[in-house]
Amino acid sequence: MYIFPNMIEMGLKEGKTWPSHDHKQIASTIGLCNPNVTTMDTLQAVVTAVCAVPQERIRRVSYKELVDEFDLPDVQIYL
Protein backbone atom coordinates (compact mmCIF):
# COMPACT_ATOMS: atom_id res chain seq x y z
CA MET A 1 0.00 0.00 0.00
CA TYR A 2 1.18 3.49 -0.82
CA ILE A 3 0.51 5.91 2.04
CA PHE A 4 2.63 9.04 1.74
CA PRO A 5 1.44 11.92 -0.48
CA ASN A 6 4.63 12.02 -2.55
CA MET A 7 4.30 8.31 -3.35
CA ILE A 8 1.71 9.13 -6.02
CA GLU A 9 4.62 10.40 -8.12
CA MET A 10 5.79 6.79 -8.40
CA GLY A 11 2.70 6.11 -10.51
CA LEU A 12 3.79 8.46 -13.28
CA LYS A 13 5.62 6.72 -16.08
CA GLU A 14 9.07 8.03 -16.89
CA GLY A 15 9.00 11.37 -18.67
CA LYS A 16 5.31 12.01 -17.94
CA THR A 17 3.89 14.92 -15.94
CA TRP A 18 0.52 15.64 -14.37
CA PRO A 19 -1.96 17.26 -16.79
CA SER A 20 -3.21 19.38 -13.86
CA HIS A 21 -3.30 19.57 -10.08
CA ASP A 22 -6.85 18.17 -10.21
CA HIS A 23 -5.60 15.02 -11.95
CA LYS A 24 -2.97 14.52 -9.25
CA GLN A 25 -5.53 15.04 -6.47
CA ILE A 26 -7.95 12.48 -7.91
CA ALA A 27 -5.20 9.94 -8.50
CA SER A 28 -4.02 10.48 -4.91
CA THR A 29 -7.53 10.00 -3.54
CA ILE A 30 -7.91 6.71 -5.39
CA GLY A 31 -4.38 5.34 -5.18
CA LEU A 32 -3.07 6.35 -1.76
CA CYS A 33 -4.04 4.60 1.47
CA ASN A 34 -6.04 2.11 -0.57
CA PRO A 35 -5.49 -1.49 0.57
CA ASN A 36 -6.36 -2.65 -2.96
CA VAL A 37 -3.43 -0.76 -4.49
CA THR A 38 -0.54 -2.97 -3.48
CA THR A 39 1.67 -3.11 -6.58
CA MET A 40 3.46 -0.57 -8.70
CA ASP A 41 1.56 -1.86 -11.75
CA THR A 42 -1.77 -1.07 -10.08
CA LEU A 43 -0.60 2.36 -8.96
CA GLN A 44 0.60 3.14 -12.48
CA ALA A 45 -2.71 1.93 -13.95
CA VAL A 46 -4.60 4.27 -11.60
CA VAL A 47 -2.42 7.23 -12.52
CA THR A 48 -2.54 6.46 -16.25
CA ALA A 49 -6.34 6.21 -16.22
CA VAL A 50 -6.79 9.46 -14.31
CA CYS A 51 -4.31 11.29 -16.55
CA ALA A 52 -6.29 10.15 -19.60
CA VAL A 53 -9.34 12.15 -18.50
CA PRO A 54 -9.66 15.37 -20.52
CA GLN A 55 -9.18 18.56 -18.50
CA GLU A 56 -12.76 19.69 -19.12
CA ARG A 57 -14.12 16.49 -17.47
CA ILE A 58 -11.71 15.97 -14.58
CA ARG A 59 -13.72 17.87 -11.99
CA ARG A 60 -16.93 15.96 -12.64
CA VAL A 61 -15.79 12.49 -13.71
CA SER A 62 -17.28 9.72 -11.60
CA TYR A 63 -15.54 6.61 -10.33
CA LYS A 64 -17.78 4.47 -12.56
CA GLU A 65 -16.83 6.57 -15.59
CA LEU A 66 -13.15 6.16 -14.72
CA VAL A 67 -13.57 2.39 -14.62
CA ASP A 68 -15.84 2.11 -17.68
CA GLU A 69 -14.35 4.74 -19.99
CA PHE A 70 -10.75 5.20 -18.91
CA ASP A 71 -9.74 1.65 -17.91
CA LEU A 72 -9.20 2.40 -14.24
CA PRO A 73 -8.69 -0.88 -12.40
CA ASP A 74 -11.61 -1.29 -10.01
CA VAL A 75 -9.80 -0.83 -6.72
CA GLN A 76 -13.09 -0.51 -4.89
CA ILE A 77 -13.27 3.10 -3.87
CA TYR A 78 -16.32 5.22 -4.50
CA LEU A 79 -16.04 8.99 -4.79
C-alpha atoms as a PDB file:
ATOM      1  CA  MET A   1       0.000   0.000   0.000  1.00  0.00           C
ATOM      2  CA  TYR A   2       1.184   3.493  -0.818  1.00  0.00           C
ATOM      3  CA  ILE A   3       0.512   5.906   2.035  1.00  0.00           C
ATOM      4  CA  PHE A   4       2.629   9.045   1.740  1.00  0.00           C
ATOM      5  CA  PRO A   5       1.442  11.920  -0.480  1.00  0.00           C
ATOM      6  CA  ASN A   6       4.632  12.022  -2.545  1.00  0.00           C
ATOM      7  CA  MET A   7       4.301   8.308  -3.346  1.00  0.00           C
ATOM      8  CA  ILE A   8       1.714   9.131  -6.021  1.00  0.00           C
ATOM      9  CA  GLU A   9       4.624  10.405  -8.124  1.00  0.00           C
ATOM     10  CA  MET A  10       5.789   6.790  -8.400  1.00  0.00           C
ATOM     11  CA  GLY A  11       2.701   6.112 -10.514  1.00  0.00           C
ATOM     12  CA  LEU A  12       3.792   8.458 -13.285  1.00  0.00           C
ATOM     13  CA  LYS A  13       5.619   6.716 -16.079  1.00  0.00           C
ATOM     14  CA  GLU A  14       9.075   8.035 -16.888  1.00  0.00           C
ATOM     15  CA  GLY A  15       9.001  11.367 -18.665  1.00  0.00           C
ATOM     16  CA  LYS A  16       5.306  12.011 -17.936  1.00  0.00           C
ATOM     17  CA  THR A  17       3.893  14.917 -15.944  1.00  0.00           C
ATOM     18  CA  TRP A  18       0.521  15.638 -14.369  1.00  0.00           C
ATOM     19  CA  PRO A  19      -1.957  17.260 -16.789  1.00  0.00           C
ATOM     20  CA  SER A  20      -3.209  19.381 -13.856  1.00  0.00           C
ATOM     21  CA  HIS A  21      -3.304  19.571 -10.078  1.00  0.00           C
ATOM     22  CA  ASP A  22      -6.853  18.171 -10.210  1.00  0.00           C
ATOM     23  CA  HIS A  23      -5.599  15.023 -11.955  1.00  0.00           C
ATOM     24  CA  LYS A  24      -2.974  14.524  -9.251  1.00  0.00           C
ATOM     25  CA  GLN A  25      -5.532  15.041  -6.467  1.00  0.00           C
ATOM     26  CA  ILE A  26      -7.948  12.483  -7.912  1.00  0.00           C
ATOM     27  CA  ALA A  27      -5.196   9.935  -8.503  1.00  0.00           C
ATOM     28  CA  SER A  28      -4.024  10.478  -4.915  1.00  0.00           C
ATOM     29  CA  THR A  29      -7.529  10.001  -3.541  1.00  0.00           C
ATOM     30  CA  ILE A  30      -7.911   6.711  -5.388  1.00  0.00           C
ATOM     31  CA  GLY A  31      -4.378   5.339  -5.176  1.00  0.00           C
ATOM     32  CA  LEU A  32      -3.069   6.350  -1.763  1.00  0.00           C
ATOM     33  CA  CYS A  33      -4.039   4.596   1.473  1.00  0.00           C
ATOM     34  CA  ASN A  34      -6.043   2.111  -0.569  1.00  0.00           C
ATOM     35  CA  PRO A  35      -5.489  -1.490   0.566  1.00  0.00           C
ATOM     36  CA  ASN A  36      -6.365  -2.652  -2.963  1.00  0.00           C
ATOM     37  CA  VAL A  37      -3.433  -0.757  -4.490  1.00  0.00           C
ATOM     38  CA  THR A  38      -0.536  -2.975  -3.483  1.00  0.00           C
ATOM     39  CA  THR A  39       1.673  -3.110  -6.577  1.00  0.00           C
ATOM     40  CA  MET A  40       3.464  -0.568  -8.699  1.00  0.00           C
ATOM     41  CA  ASP A  41       1.555  -1.856 -11.745  1.00  0.00           C
ATOM     42  CA  THR A  42      -1.773  -1.068 -10.084  1.00  0.00           C
ATOM     43  CA  LEU A  43      -0.603   2.364  -8.959  1.00  0.00           C
ATOM     44  CA  GLN A  44       0.604   3.136 -12.483  1.00  0.00           C
ATOM     45  CA  ALA A  45      -2.705   1.929 -13.946  1.00  0.00           C
ATOM     46  CA  VAL A  46      -4.604   4.266 -11.600  1.00  0.00           C
ATOM     47  CA  VAL A  47      -2.419   7.232 -12.523  1.00  0.00           C
ATOM     48  CA  THR A  48      -2.542   6.458 -16.253  1.00  0.00           C
ATOM     49  CA  ALA A  49      -6.341   6.206 -16.216  1.00  0.00           C
ATOM     50  CA  VAL A  50      -6.791   9.461 -14.313  1.00  0.00           C
ATOM     51  CA  CYS A  51      -4.307  11.289 -16.554  1.00  0.00           C
ATOM     52  CA  ALA A  52      -6.288  10.149 -19.605  1.00  0.00           C
ATOM     53  CA  VAL A  53      -9.344  12.147 -18.502  1.00  0.00           C
ATOM     54  CA  PRO A  54      -9.656  15.372 -20.523  1.00  0.00           C
ATOM     55  CA  GLN A  55      -9.178  18.558 -18.503  1.00  0.00           C
ATOM     56  CA  GLU A  56     -12.764  19.686 -19.115  1.00  0.00           C
ATOM     57  CA  ARG A  57     -14.116  16.494 -17.473  1.00  0.00           C
ATOM     58  CA  ILE A  58     -11.706  15.970 -14.582  1.00  0.00           C
ATOM     59  CA  ARG A  59     -13.722  17.874 -11.989  1.00  0.00           C
ATOM     60  CA  ARG A  60     -16.932  15.958 -12.644  1.00  0.00           C
ATOM     61  CA  VAL A  61     -15.789  12.492 -13.710  1.00  0.00           C
ATOM     62  CA  SER A  62     -17.282   9.716 -11.599  1.00  0.00           C
ATOM     63  CA  TYR A  63     -15.536   6.612 -10.327  1.00  0.00           C
ATOM     64  CA  LYS A  64     -17.780   4.469 -12.557  1.00  0.00           C
ATOM     65  CA  GLU A  65     -16.825   6.570 -15.593  1.00  0.00           C
ATOM     66  CA  LEU A  66     -13.148   6.164 -14.719  1.00  0.00           C
ATOM     67  CA  VAL A  67     -13.573   2.386 -14.623  1.00  0.00           C
ATOM     68  CA  ASP A  68     -15.835   2.112 -17.678  1.00  0.00           C
ATOM     69  CA  GLU A  69     -14.348   4.738 -19.993  1.00  0.00           C
ATOM     70  CA  PHE A  70     -10.749   5.201 -18.909  1.00  0.00           C
ATOM     71  CA  ASP A  71      -9.740   1.652 -17.909  1.00  0.00           C
ATOM     72  CA  LEU A  72      -9.200   2.401 -14.237  1.00  0.00           C
ATOM     73  CA  PRO A  73      -8.694  -0.882 -12.399  1.00  0.00           C
ATOM     74  CA  ASP A  74     -11.614  -1.293 -10.008  1.00  0.00           C
ATOM     75  CA  VAL A  75      -9.797  -0.827  -6.724  1.00  0.00           C
ATOM     76  CA  GLN A  76     -13.090  -0.508  -4.893  1.00  0.00           C
ATOM     77  CA  ILE A  77     -13.270   3.096  -3.866  1.00  0.00           C
ATOM     78  CA  TYR A  78     -16.323   5.222  -4.499  1.00  0.00           C
ATOM     79  CA  LEU A  79     -16.039   8.993  -4.792  1.00  0.00           C
END
